[in-house]
Amino acid sequence: MTAFNWKILDIKADDGLITEAHYHVTATDSDIEVTTEGNWYFIEPKANTQFADVTEQLVCQWVENESNNSIKARLQEQIDLLNKSKPVVAPWLPQVFTPKIG
């Protein structure tokens, strides 16, 4: 099960209406972790809560809802791909043979 950890790094507002959020999201599944960061420009400035009462959790929810969960979906795609791939030594690094015993 993938866990998503959202953080809002910065917001921009105009007349008390939040117009933009700078977000950072980390998706973790077992020992695999992927992250993304970006700016979300709200289609409609958010005003359903008094500005002084806005929380980071609330802004995260606004971004998730307005993005139709596309941010989380892309992170999940990356986790799924990483779960399928096997680590290899890059061709430019020293190649070391390690026998598998057992």
PDB file of N, CA and C in Angstrom:
ATOM      1  N   MET A   1       0.842  -1.179   0.000  1.00  0.00           N
ATOM      2  CA  MET A   1       0.000   0.000   0.000  1.00  0.00           C
ATOM      3  C   MET A   1       0.886   1.240   0.000  1.00  0.00           C
ATOM      4  N   THR A   2       0.644   2.121  -0.920  1.00  0.00           N
ATOM      5  CA  THR A   2       1.446   3.325  -1.043  1.00  0.00           C
ATOM      6  C   THR A   2       0.912   4.415  -0.115  1.00  0.00           C
ATOM      7  N   ALA A   3       1.832   5.038   0.613  1.00  0.00           N
ATOM      8  CA  ALA A   3       1.488   6.166   1.478  1.00  0.00           C
ATOM      9  C   ALA A   3       1.958   7.444   0.801  1.00  0.00           C
ATOM     10  N   PHE A   4       1.119   8.460   0.832  1.00  0.00           N
ATOM     11  CA  PHE A   4       1.438   9.745   0.225  1.00  0.00           C
ATOM     12  C   PHE A   4       1.558  10.794   1.328  1.00  0.00           C
ATOM     13  N   ASN A   5       2.677  11.521   1.319  1.00  0.00           N
ATOM     14  CA  ASN A   5       2.913  12.569   2.311  1.00  0.00           C
ATOM     15  C   ASN A   5       2.990  13.906   1.585  1.00  0.00           C
ATOM     16  N   TRP A   6       1.997  14.736   1.802  1.00  0.00           N
ATOM     17  CA  TRP A   6       1.904  16.046   1.151  1.00  0.00           C
ATOM     18  C   TRP A   6       2.466  17.131   2.054  1.00  0.00           C
ATOM     19  N   LYS A   7       3.135  18.098   1.438  1.00  0.00           N
ATOM     20  CA  LYS A   7       3.589  19.294   2.144  1.00  0.00           C
ATOM     21  C   LYS A   7       3.316  20.486   1.231  1.00  0.00           C
ATOM     22  N   ILE A   8       2.874  21.560   1.829  1.00  0.00           N
ATOM     23  CA  ILE A   8       2.723  22.805   1.086  1.00  0.00           C
ATOM     24  C   ILE A   8       3.891  23.692   1.499  1.00  0.00           C
ATOM     25  N   LEU A   9       4.728  24.036   0.527  1.00  0.00           N
ATOM     26  CA  LEU A   9       5.942  24.793   0.797  1.00  0.00           C
ATOM     27  C   LEU A   9       5.703  26.300   0.781  1.00  0.00           C
ATOM     28  N   ASP A  10       4.687  26.719   0.027  1.00  0.00           N
ATOM     29  CA  ASP A  10       4.426  28.150  -0.106  1.00  0.00           C
ATOM     30  C   ASP A  10       3.050  28.319  -0.725  1.00  0.00           C
ATOM     31  N   ILE A  11       2.414  29.426  -0.446  1.00  0.00           N
ATOM     32  CA  ILE A  11       1.155  29.761  -1.114  1.00  0.00           C
ATOM     33  C   ILE A  11       1.224  31.213  -1.563  1.00  0.00           C
ATOM     34  N   LYS A  12       0.393  31.530  -2.546  1.00  0.00           N
ATOM     35  CA  LYS A  12       0.226  32.912  -2.993  1.00  0.00           C
ATOM     36  C   LYS A  12      -1.256  33.227  -2.919  1.00  0.00           C
ATOM     37  N   ALA A  13      -1.546  34.459  -2.562  1.00  0.00           N
ATOM     38  CA  ALA A  13      -2.933  34.866  -2.406  1.00  0.00           C
ATOM     39  C   ALA A  13      -3.139  36.264  -2.966  1.00  0.00           C
ATOM     40  N   ASP A  14      -4.390  36.542  -3.300  1.00  0.00           N
ATOM     41  CA  ASP A  14      -4.786  37.855  -3.788  1.00  0.00           C
ATOM     42  C   ASP A  14      -6.079  38.222  -3.068  1.00  0.00           C
ATOM     43  N   ASP A  15      -6.055  39.272  -2.294  1.00  0.00           N
ATOM     44  CA  ASP A  15      -7.217  39.712  -1.508  1.00  0.00           C
ATOM     45  C   ASP A  15      -7.764  38.604  -0.616  1.00  0.00           C
ATOM     46  N   GLY A  16      -6.870  37.835   0.009  1.00  0.00           N
ATOM     47  CA  GLY A  16      -7.293  36.785   0.927  1.00  0.00           C
ATOM     48  C   GLY A  16      -7.741  35.509   0.256  1.00  0.00           C
ATOM     49  N   LEU A  17      -7.644  35.432  -1.074  1.00  0.00           N
ATOM     50  CA  LEU A  17      -8.006  34.222  -1.811  1.00  0.00           C
ATOM     51  C   LEU A  17      -6.744  33.528  -2.274  1.00  0.00           C
ATOM     52  N   ILE A  18      -6.607  32.265  -1.952  1.00  0.00           N
ATOM     53  CA  ILE A  18      -5.403  31.520  -2.337  1.00  0.00           C
ATOM     54  C   ILE A  18      -5.480  31.201  -3.824  1.00  0.00           C
ATOM     55  N   THR A  19      -4.459  31.618  -4.556  1.00  0.00           N
ATOM     56  CA  THR A  19      -4.440  31.461  -6.008  1.00  0.00           C
ATOM     57  C   THR A  19      -3.445  30.408  -6.478  1.00  0.00           C
ATOM     58  N   GLU A  20      -2.452  30.108  -5.627  1.00  0.00           N
ATOM     59  CA  GLU A  20      -1.386  29.186  -6.038  1.00  0.00           C
ATOM     60  C   GLU A  20      -0.808  28.496  -4.810  1.00  0.00           C
ATOM     61  N   ALA A  21      -0.410  27.239  -5.002  1.00  0.00           N
ATOM     62  CA  ALA A  21       0.240  26.484  -3.932  1.00  0.00           C
ATOM     63  C   ALA A  21       1.471  25.788  -4.496  1.00  0.00           C
ATOM     64  N   HIS A  22       2.587  25.909  -3.802  1.00  0.00           N
ATOM     65  CA  HIS A  22       3.816  25.190  -4.144  1.00  0.00           C
ATOM     66  C   HIS A  22       3.836  23.949  -3.250  1.00  0.00           C
ATOM     67  N   TYR A  23       3.746  22.776  -3.877  1.00  0.00           N
ATOM     68  CA  TYR A  23       3.591  21.527  -3.123  1.00  0.00           C
ATOM     69  C   TYR A  23       4.786  20.600  -3.307  1.00  0.00           C
ATOM     70  N   HIS A  24       4.921  19.665  -2.380  1.00  0.00           N
ATOM     71  CA  HIS A  24       5.919  18.597  -2.436  1.00  0.00           C
ATOM     72  C   HIS A  24       5.199  17.334  -1.958  1.00  0.00           C
ATOM     73  N   VAL A  25       5.274  16.266  -2.757  1.00  0.00           N
ATOM     74  CA  VAL A  25       4.605  15.020  -2.387  1.00  0.00           C
ATOM     75  C   VAL A  25       5.612  13.880  -2.437  1.00  0.00           C
ATOM     76  N   THR A  26       5.621  13.063  -1.392  1.00  0.00           N
ATOM     77  CA  THR A  26       6.449  11.868  -1.331  1.00  0.00           C
ATOM     78  C   THR A  26       5.530  10.663  -1.276  1.00  0.00           C
ATOM     79  N   ALA A  27       5.778   9.710  -2.181  1.00  0.00           N
ATOM     80  CA  ALA A  27       5.032   8.454  -2.186  1.00  0.00           C
ATOM     81  C   ALA A  27       5.986   7.352  -1.736  1.00  0.00           C
ATOM     82  N   THR A  28       5.544   6.550  -0.768  1.00  0.00           N
ATOM     83  CA  THR A  28       6.390   5.493  -0.217  1.00  0.00           C
ATOM     84  C   THR A  28       5.640   4.172  -0.233  1.00  0.00           C
ATOM     85  N   ASP A  29       6.313   3.149  -0.742  1.00  0.00           N
ATOM     86  CA  ASP A  29       5.761   1.786  -0.754  1.00  0.00           C
ATOM     87  C   ASP A  29       6.914   0.853  -0.399  1.00  0.00           C
ATOM     88  N   SER A  30       6.867   0.285   0.784  1.00  0.00           N
ATOM     89  CA  SER A  30       7.959  -0.547   1.307  1.00  0.00           C
ATOM     90  C   SER A  30       9.245   0.273   1.307  1.00  0.00           C
ATOM     91  N   ASP A  31      10.252  -0.178   0.542  1.00  0.00           N
ATOM     92  CA  ASP A  31      11.525   0.543   0.529  1.00  0.00           C
ATOM     93  C   ASP A  31      11.674   1.453  -0.690  1.00  0.00           C
ATOM     94  N   ILE A  32      10.603   1.627  -1.460  1.00  0.00           N
ATOM     95  CA  ILE A  32      10.650   2.483  -2.647  1.00  0.00           C
ATOM     96  C   ILE A  32      10.007   3.828  -2.317  1.00  0.00           C
ATOM     97  N   GLU A  33      10.695   4.898  -2.713  1.00  0.00           N
ATOM     98  CA  GLU A  33      10.189   6.239  -2.457  1.00  0.00           C
ATOM     99  C   GLU A  33      10.392   7.092  -3.699  1.00  0.00           C
ATOM    100  N   VAL A  34       9.358   7.792  -4.114  1.00  0.00           N
ATOM    101  CA  VAL A  34       9.455   8.743  -5.221  1.00  0.00           C
ATOM    102  C   VAL A  34       8.838  10.058  -4.758  1.00  0.00           C
ATOM    103  N   THR A  35       9.347  11.150  -5.310  1.00  0.00           N
ATOM    104  CA  THR A  35       8.850  12.469  -4.911  1.00  0.00           C
ATOM    105  C   THR A  35       8.585  13.329  -6.134  1.00  0.00           C
ATOM    106  N   THR A  36       7.761  14.324  -5.932  1.00  0.00           N
ATOM    107  CA  THR A  36       7.526  15.338  -6.951  1.00  0.00           C
ATOM    108  C   THR A  36       7.272  16.659  -6.247  1.00  0.00           C
ATOM    109  N   GLU A  37       7.508  17.706  -6.976  1.00  0.00           N
ATOM    110  CA  GLU A  37       7.307  19.049  -6.447  1.00  0.00           C
ATOM    111  C   GLU A  37       6.817  19.916  -7.587  1.00  0.00           C
ATOM    112  N   GLY A  38       5.930  20.831  -7.289  1.00  0.00           N
ATOM    113  CA  GLY A  38       5.429  21.698  -8.345  1.00  0.00           C
ATOM    114  C   GLY A  38       4.584  22.825  -7.801  1.00  0.00           C
ATOM    115  N   ASN A  39       4.060  23.603  -8.719  1.00  0.00           N
ATOM    116  CA  ASN A  39       3.163  24.701  -8.386  1.00  0.00           C
ATOM    117  C   ASN A  39       1.794  24.385  -8.960  1.00  0.00           C
ATOM    118  N   TRP A  40       0.775  24.559  -8.142  1.00  0.00           N
ATOM    119  CA  TRP A  40      -0.587  24.362  -8.610  1.00  0.00           C
ATOM    120  C   TRP A  40      -1.272  25.723  -8.644  1.00  0.00           C
ATOM    121  N   TYR A  41      -1.776  26.082  -9.806  1.00  0.00           N
ATOM    122  CA  TYR A  41      -2.484  27.343  -9.992  1.00  0.00           C
ATOM    123  C   TYR A  41      -3.980  27.018  -9.991  1.00  0.00           C
ATOM    124  N   PHE A  42      -4.684  27.456  -8.980  1.00  0.00           N
ATOM    125  CA  PHE A  42      -6.093  27.119  -8.843  1.00  0.00           C
ATOM    126  C   PHE A  42      -6.927  27.773  -9.940  1.00  0.00           C
ATOM    127  N   ILE A  43      -7.849  26.990 -10.493  1.00  0.00           N
ATOM    128  CA  ILE A  43      -8.744  27.498 -11.531  1.00  0.00           C
ATOM    129  C   ILE A  43      -9.577  28.644 -10.964  1.00  0.00           C
ATOM    130  N   GLU A  44     -10.115  28.412  -9.784  1.00  0.00           N
ATOM    131  CA  GLU A  44     -10.855  29.443  -9.056  1.00  0.00           C
ATOM    132  C   GLU A  44     -10.136  29.662  -7.728  1.00  0.00           C
ATOM    133  N   PRO A  45      -9.793  30.894  -7.398  1.00  0.00           N
ATOM    134  CA  PRO A  45      -9.164  31.131  -6.091  1.00  0.00           C
ATOM    135  C   PRO A  45     -10.022  30.561  -4.969  1.00  0.00           C
ATOM    136  N   LYS A  46      -9.374  30.006  -3.961  1.00  0.00           N
ATOM    137  CA  LYS A  46     -10.072  29.325  -2.876  1.00  0.00           C
ATOM    138  C   LYS A  46     -10.468  30.304  -1.785  1.00  0.00           C
ATOM    139  N   ALA A  47     -11.765  30.271  -1.419  1.00  0.00           N
ATOM    140  CA  ALA A  47     -12.253  31.205  -0.409  1.00  0.00           C
ATOM    141  C   ALA A  47     -13.324  30.600   0.482  1.00  0.00           C
ATOM    142  N   ASN A  48     -13.449  29.283   0.500  1.00  0.00           N
ATOM    143  CA  ASN A  48     -14.508  28.687   1.305  1.00  0.00           C
ATOM    144  C   ASN A  48     -14.139  28.604   2.781  1.00  0.00           C
ATOM    145  N   THR A  49     -12.992  29.136   3.154  1.00  0.00           N
ATOM    146  CA  THR A  49     -12.530  29.182   4.543  1.00  0.00           C
ATOM    147  C   THR A  49     -11.878  30.540   4.771  1.00  0.00           C
ATOM    148  N   GLN A  50     -12.077  31.117   5.947  1.00  0.00           N
ATOM    149  CA  GLN A  50     -11.397  32.370   6.270  1.00  0.00           C
ATOM    150  C   GLN A  50      -9.892  32.153   6.146  1.00  0.00           C
ATOM    151  N   PHE A  51      -9.188  33.109   5.576  1.00  0.00           N
ATOM    152  CA  PHE A  51      -7.757  32.955   5.325  1.00  0.00           C
ATOM    153  C   PHE A  51      -7.007  32.563   6.593  1.00  0.00           C
ATOM    154  N   ALA A  52      -7.344  33.141   7.711  1.00  0.00           N
ATOM    155  CA  ALA A  52      -6.651  32.840   8.972  1.00  0.00           C
ATOM    156  C   ALA A  52      -6.874  31.400   9.427  1.00  0.00           C
ATOM    157  N   ASP A  53      -7.927  30.758   8.921  1.00  0.00           N
ATOM    158  CA  ASP A  53      -8.256  29.388   9.325  1.00  0.00           C
ATOM    159  C   ASP A  53      -7.768  28.332   8.337  1.00  0.00           C
ATOM    160  N   VAL A  54      -7.123  28.760   7.256  1.00  0.00           N
ATOM    161  CA  VAL A  54      -6.624  27.809   6.254  1.00  0.00           C
ATOM    162  C   VAL A  54      -5.473  27.012   6.856  1.00  0.00           C
ATOM    163  N   THR A  55      -5.515  25.693   6.650  1.00  0.00           N
ATOM    164  CA  THR A  55      -4.450  24.813   7.138  1.00  0.00           C
ATOM    165  C   THR A  55      -3.713  24.195   5.954  1.00  0.00           C
ATOM    166  N   GLU A  56      -2.541  23.674   6.236  1.00  0.00           N
ATOM    167  CA  GLU A  56      -1.775  22.976   5.198  1.00  0.00           C
ATOM    168  C   GLU A  56      -2.581  21.798   4.659  1.00  0.00           C
ATOM    169  N   GLN A  57      -3.227  21.063   5.543  1.00  0.00           N
ATOM    170  CA  GLN A  57      -4.046  19.907   5.144  1.00  0.00           C
ATOM    171  C   GLN A  57      -5.157  20.328   4.183  1.00  0.00           C
ATOM    172  N   LEU A  58      -5.777  21.459   4.447  1.00  0.00           N
ATOM    173  CA  LEU A  58      -6.856  21.947   3.601  1.00  0.00           C
ATOM    174  C   LEU A  58      -6.343  22.288   2.203  1.00  0.00           C
ATOM    175  N   VAL A  59      -5.205  22.966   2.126  1.00  0.00           N
ATOM    176  CA  VAL A  59      -4.626  23.323   0.826  1.00  0.00           C
ATOM    177  C   VAL A  59      -4.225  22.056   0.066  1.00  0.00           C
ATOM    178  N   CYS A  60      -3.662  21.075   0.775  1.00  0.00           N
ATOM    179  CA  CYS A  60      -3.316  19.791   0.136  1.00  0.00           C
ATOM    180  C   CYS A  60      -4.564  19.159  -0.480  1.00  0.00           C
ATOM    181  N   GLN A  61      -5.656  19.181   0.257  1.00  0.00           N
ATOM    182  CA  GLN A  61      -6.912  18.597  -0.234  1.00  0.00           C
ATOM    183  C   GLN A  61      -7.417  19.337  -1.461  1.00  0.00           C
ATOM    184  N   TRP A  62      -7.296  20.669  -1.459  1.00  0.00           N
ATOM    185  CA  TRP A  62      -7.710  21.452  -2.625  1.00  0.00           C
ATOM    186  C   TRP A  62      -6.911  21.055  -3.859  1.00  0.00           C
ATOM    187  N   VAL A  63      -5.588  20.909  -3.699  1.00  0.00           N
ATOM    188  CA  VAL A  63      -4.739  20.533  -4.836  1.00  0.00           C
ATOM    189  C   VAL A  63      -5.110  19.136  -5.311  1.00  0.00           C
ATOM    190  N   GLU A  64      -5.254  18.197  -4.389  1.00  0.00           N
ATOM    191  CA  GLU A  64      -5.635  16.827  -4.768  1.00  0.00           C
ATOM    192  C   GLU A  64      -6.953  16.811  -5.522  1.00  0.00           C
ATOM    193  N   ASN A  65      -7.939  17.502  -5.000  1.00  0.00           N
ATOM    194  CA  ASN A  65      -9.264  17.499  -5.626  1.00  0.00           C
ATOM    195  C   ASN A  65      -9.238  18.142  -7.003  1.00  0.00           C
ATOM    196  N   GLU A  66      -8.605  19.297  -7.107  1.00  0.00           N
ATOM    197  CA  GLU A  66      -8.602  20.002  -8.386  1.00  0.00           C
ATOM    198  C   GLU A  66      -7.771  19.264  -9.437  1.00  0.00           C
ATOM    199  N   SER A  67      -6.764  18.526  -9.006  1.00  0.00           N
ATOM    200  CA  SER A  67      -5.931  17.773  -9.952  1.00  0.00           C
ATOM    201  C   SER A  67      -6.572  16.433 -10.321  1.00  0.00           C
ATOM    202  N   ASN A  68      -7.744  16.145  -9.746  1.00  0.00           N
ATOM    203  CA  ASN A  68      -8.406  14.847  -9.951  1.00  0.00           C
ATOM    204  C   ASN A  68      -7.471  13.694  -9.602  1.00  0.00           C
ATOM    205  N   ASN A  69      -6.658  13.900  -8.588  1.00  0.00           N
ATOM    206  CA  ASN A  69      -5.702  12.905  -8.096  1.00  0.00           C
ATOM    207  C   ASN A  69      -4.648  12.501  -9.127  1.00  0.00           C
ATOM    208  N   SER A  70      -4.450  13.330 -10.156  1.00  0.00           N
ATOM    209  CA  SER A  70      -3.462  12.985 -11.189  1.00  0.00           C
ATOM    210  C   SER A  70      -2.037  12.985 -10.641  1.00  0.00           C
ATOM    211  N   ILE A  71      -1.749  13.811  -9.652  1.00  0.00           N
ATOM    212  CA  ILE A  71      -0.406  13.849  -9.067  1.00  0.00           C
ATOM    213  C   ILE A  71      -0.121  12.520  -8.374  1.00  0.00           C
ATOM    214  N   LYS A  72      -1.066  12.067  -7.568  1.00  0.00           N
ATOM    215  CA  LYS A  72      -0.904  10.789  -6.883  1.00  0.00           C
ATOM    216  C   LYS A  72      -0.845   9.630  -7.886  1.00  0.00           C
ATOM    217  N   ALA A  73      -1.636   9.700  -8.937  1.00  0.00           N
ATOM    218  CA  ALA A  73      -1.654   8.623  -9.940  1.00  0.00           C
ATOM    219  C   ALA A  73      -0.298   8.497 -10.630  1.00  0.00           C
ATOM    220  N   ARG A  74       0.329   9.619 -10.978  1.00  0.00           N
ATOM    221  CA  ARG A  74       1.640   9.574 -11.635  1.00  0.00           C
ATOM    222  C   ARG A  74       2.705   9.011 -10.699  1.00  0.00           C
ATOM    223  N   LEU A  75       2.656   9.403  -9.420  1.00  0.00           N
ATOM    224  CA  LEU A  75       3.604   8.841  -8.454  1.00  0.00           C
ATOM    225  C   LEU A  75       3.392   7.341  -8.303  1.00  0.00           C
ATOM    226  N   GLN A  76       2.137   6.903  -8.283  1.00  0.00           N
ATOM    227  CA  GLN A  76       1.845   5.473  -8.163  1.00  0.00           C
ATOM    228  C   GLN A  76       2.364   4.714  -9.385  1.00  0.00           C
ATOM    229  N   GLU A  77       2.236   5.291 -10.575  1.00  0.00           N
ATOM    230  CA  GLU A  77       2.780   4.660 -11.789  1.00  0.00           C
ATOM    231  C   GLU A  77       4.285   4.455 -11.653  1.00  0.00           C
ATOM    232  N   GLN A  78       4.988   5.450 -11.120  1.00  0.00           N
ATOM    233  CA  GLN A  78       6.431   5.345 -10.949  1.00  0.00           C
ATOM    234  C   GLN A  78       6.783   4.260  -9.929  1.00  0.00           C
ATOM    235  N   ILE A  79       6.037   4.205  -8.827  1.00  0.00           N
ATOM    236  CA  ILE A  79       6.259   3.155  -7.814  1.00  0.00           C
ATOM    237  C   ILE A  79       6.053   1.788  -8.442  1.00  0.00           C
ATOM    238  N   ASP A  80       4.973   1.632  -9.212  1.00  0.00           N
ATOM    239  CA  ASP A  80       4.672   0.349  -9.849  1.00  0.00           C
ATOM    240  C   ASP A  80       5.790  -0.072 -10.796  1.00  0.00           C
ATOM    241  N   LEU A  81       6.309   0.867 -11.573  1.00  0.00           N
ATOM    242  CA  LEU A  81       7.408   0.554 -12.492  1.00  0.00           C
ATOM    243  C   LEU A  81       8.669   0.158 -11.731  1.00  0.00           C
ATOM    244  N   LEU A  82       8.955   0.871 -10.648  1.00  0.00           N
ATOM    245  CA  LEU A  82      10.145   0.552  -9.853  1.00  0.00           C
ATOM    246  C   LEU A  82      10.006  -0.810  -9.174  1.00  0.00           C
ATOM    247  N   ASN A  83       8.799  -1.189  -8.810  1.00  0.00           N
ATOM    248  CA  ASN A  83       8.574  -2.511  -8.217  1.00  0.00           C
ATOM    249  C   ASN A  83       8.868  -3.632  -9.214  1.00  0.00           C
ATOM    250  N   LYS A  84       8.708  -3.349 -10.506  1.00  0.00           N
ATOM    251  CA  LYS A  84       8.929  -4.358 -11.542  1.00  0.00           C
ATOM    252  C   LYS A  84      10.386  -4.442 -11.992  1.00  0.00           C
ATOM    253  N   SER A  85      11.123  -3.339 -11.853  1.00  0.00           N
ATOM    254  CA  SER A  85      12.492  -3.327 -12.366  1.00  0.00           C
ATOM    255  C   SER A  85      13.469  -3.851 -11.322  1.00  0.00           C
ATOM    256  N   LYS A  86      14.592  -4.336 -11.818  1.00  0.00           N
ATOM    257  CA  LYS A  86      15.652  -4.855 -10.950  1.00  0.00           C
ATOM    258  C   LYS A  86      16.847  -3.917 -11.022  1.00  0.00           C
ATOM    259  N   PRO A  87      17.488  -3.657  -9.889  1.00  0.00           N
ATOM    260  CA  PRO A  87      18.658  -2.776  -9.924  1.00  0.00           C
ATOM    261  C   PRO A  87      19.802  -3.409 -10.711  1.00  0.00           C
ATOM    262  N   VAL A  88      20.497  -2.584 -11.458  1.00  0.00           N
ATOM    263  CA  VAL A  88      21.666  -3.028 -12.221  1.00  0.00           C
ATOM    264  C   VAL A  88      22.796  -2.033 -12.003  1.00  0.00           C
ATOM    265  N   VAL A  89      24.001  -2.469 -12.304  1.00  0.00           N
ATOM    266  CA  VAL A  89      25.150  -1.578 -12.215  1.00  0.00           C
ATOM    267  C   VAL A  89      25.232  -0.799 -13.513  1.00  0.00           C
ATOM    268  N   ALA A  90      25.331   0.516 -13.416  1.00  0.00           N
ATOM    269  CA  ALA A  90      25.426   1.358 -14.608  1.00  0.00           C
ATOM    270  C   ALA A  90      26.660   0.966 -15.411  1.00  0.00           C
ATOM    271  N   PRO A  91      26.583   1.006 -16.744  1.00  0.00           N
ATOM    272  CA  PRO A  91      27.689   0.558 -17.599  1.00  0.00           C
ATOM    273  C   PRO A  91      29.004   1.301 -17.350  1.00  0.00           C
ATOM    274  N   TRP A  92      28.967   2.523 -16.888  1.00  0.00           N
ATOM    275  CA  TRP A  92      30.184   3.299 -16.685  1.00  0.00           C
ATOM    276  C   TRP A  92      30.833   3.054 -15.323  1.00  0.00           C
ATOM    277  N   LEU A  93      30.145   2.294 -14.460  1.00  0.00           N
ATOM    278  CA  LEU A  93      30.711   1.962 -13.155  1.00  0.00           C
ATOM    279  C   LEU A  93      31.452   0.629 -13.224  1.00  0.00           C
ATOM    280  N   PRO A  94      32.382   0.376 -12.294  1.00  0.00           N
ATOM    281  CA  PRO A  94      33.085  -0.908 -12.298  1.00  0.00           C
ATOM    282  C   PRO A  94      32.089  -2.066 -12.180  1.00  0.00           C
ATOM    283  N   GLN A  95      32.262  -3.030 -13.026  1.00  0.00           N
ATOM    284  CA  GLN A  95      31.378  -4.192 -13.034  1.00  0.00           C
ATOM    285  C   GLN A  95      31.952  -5.249 -12.093  1.00  0.00           C
ATOM    286  N   VAL A  96      31.158  -5.681 -11.161  1.00  0.00           N
ATOM    287  CA  VAL A  96      31.597  -6.652 -10.160  1.00  0.00           C
ATOM    288  C   VAL A  96      30.688  -7.882 -10.269  1.00  0.00           C
ATOM    289  N   PHE A  97      31.310  -9.024 -10.421  1.00  0.00           N
ATOM    290  CA  PHE A  97      30.561 -10.286 -10.464  1.00  0.00           C
ATOM    291  C   PHE A  97      30.352 -10.790  -9.035  1.00  0.00           C
ATOM    292  N   THR A  98      29.099 -11.007  -8.682  1.00  0.00           N
ATOM    293  CA  THR A  98      28.778 -11.543  -7.371  1.00  0.00           C
ATOM    294  C   THR A  98      27.916 -12.778  -7.573  1.00  0.00           C
ATOM    295  N   PRO A  99      28.481 -13.966  -7.264  1.00  0.00           N
ATOM    296  CA  PRO A  99      27.691 -15.176  -7.471  1.00  0.00           C
ATOM    297  C   PRO A  99      26.556 -15.286  -6.455  1.00  0.00           C
ATOM    298  N   LYS A 100      25.446 -15.832  -6.906  1.00  0.00           N
ATOM    299  CA  LYS A 100      24.322 -16.092  -6.013  1.00  0.00           C
ATOM    300  C   LYS A 100      24.468 -17.499  -5.482  1.00  0.00           C
ATOM    301  N   ILE A 101      24.519 -17.629  -4.189  1.00  0.00           N
ATOM    302  CA  ILE A 101      24.659 -18.938  -3.577  1.00  0.00           C
ATOM    303  C   ILE A 101      23.346 -19.281  -2.893  1.00  0.00           C
ATOM    304  N   GLY A 102      22.862 -20.474  -3.196  1.00  0.00           N
ATOM    305  CA  GLY A 102      21.648 -20.908  -2.513  1.00  0.00           C
ATOM    306  C   GLY A 102      20.462 -20.938  -3.320  1.00  0.00           C
TER     307      GLY A 102
END
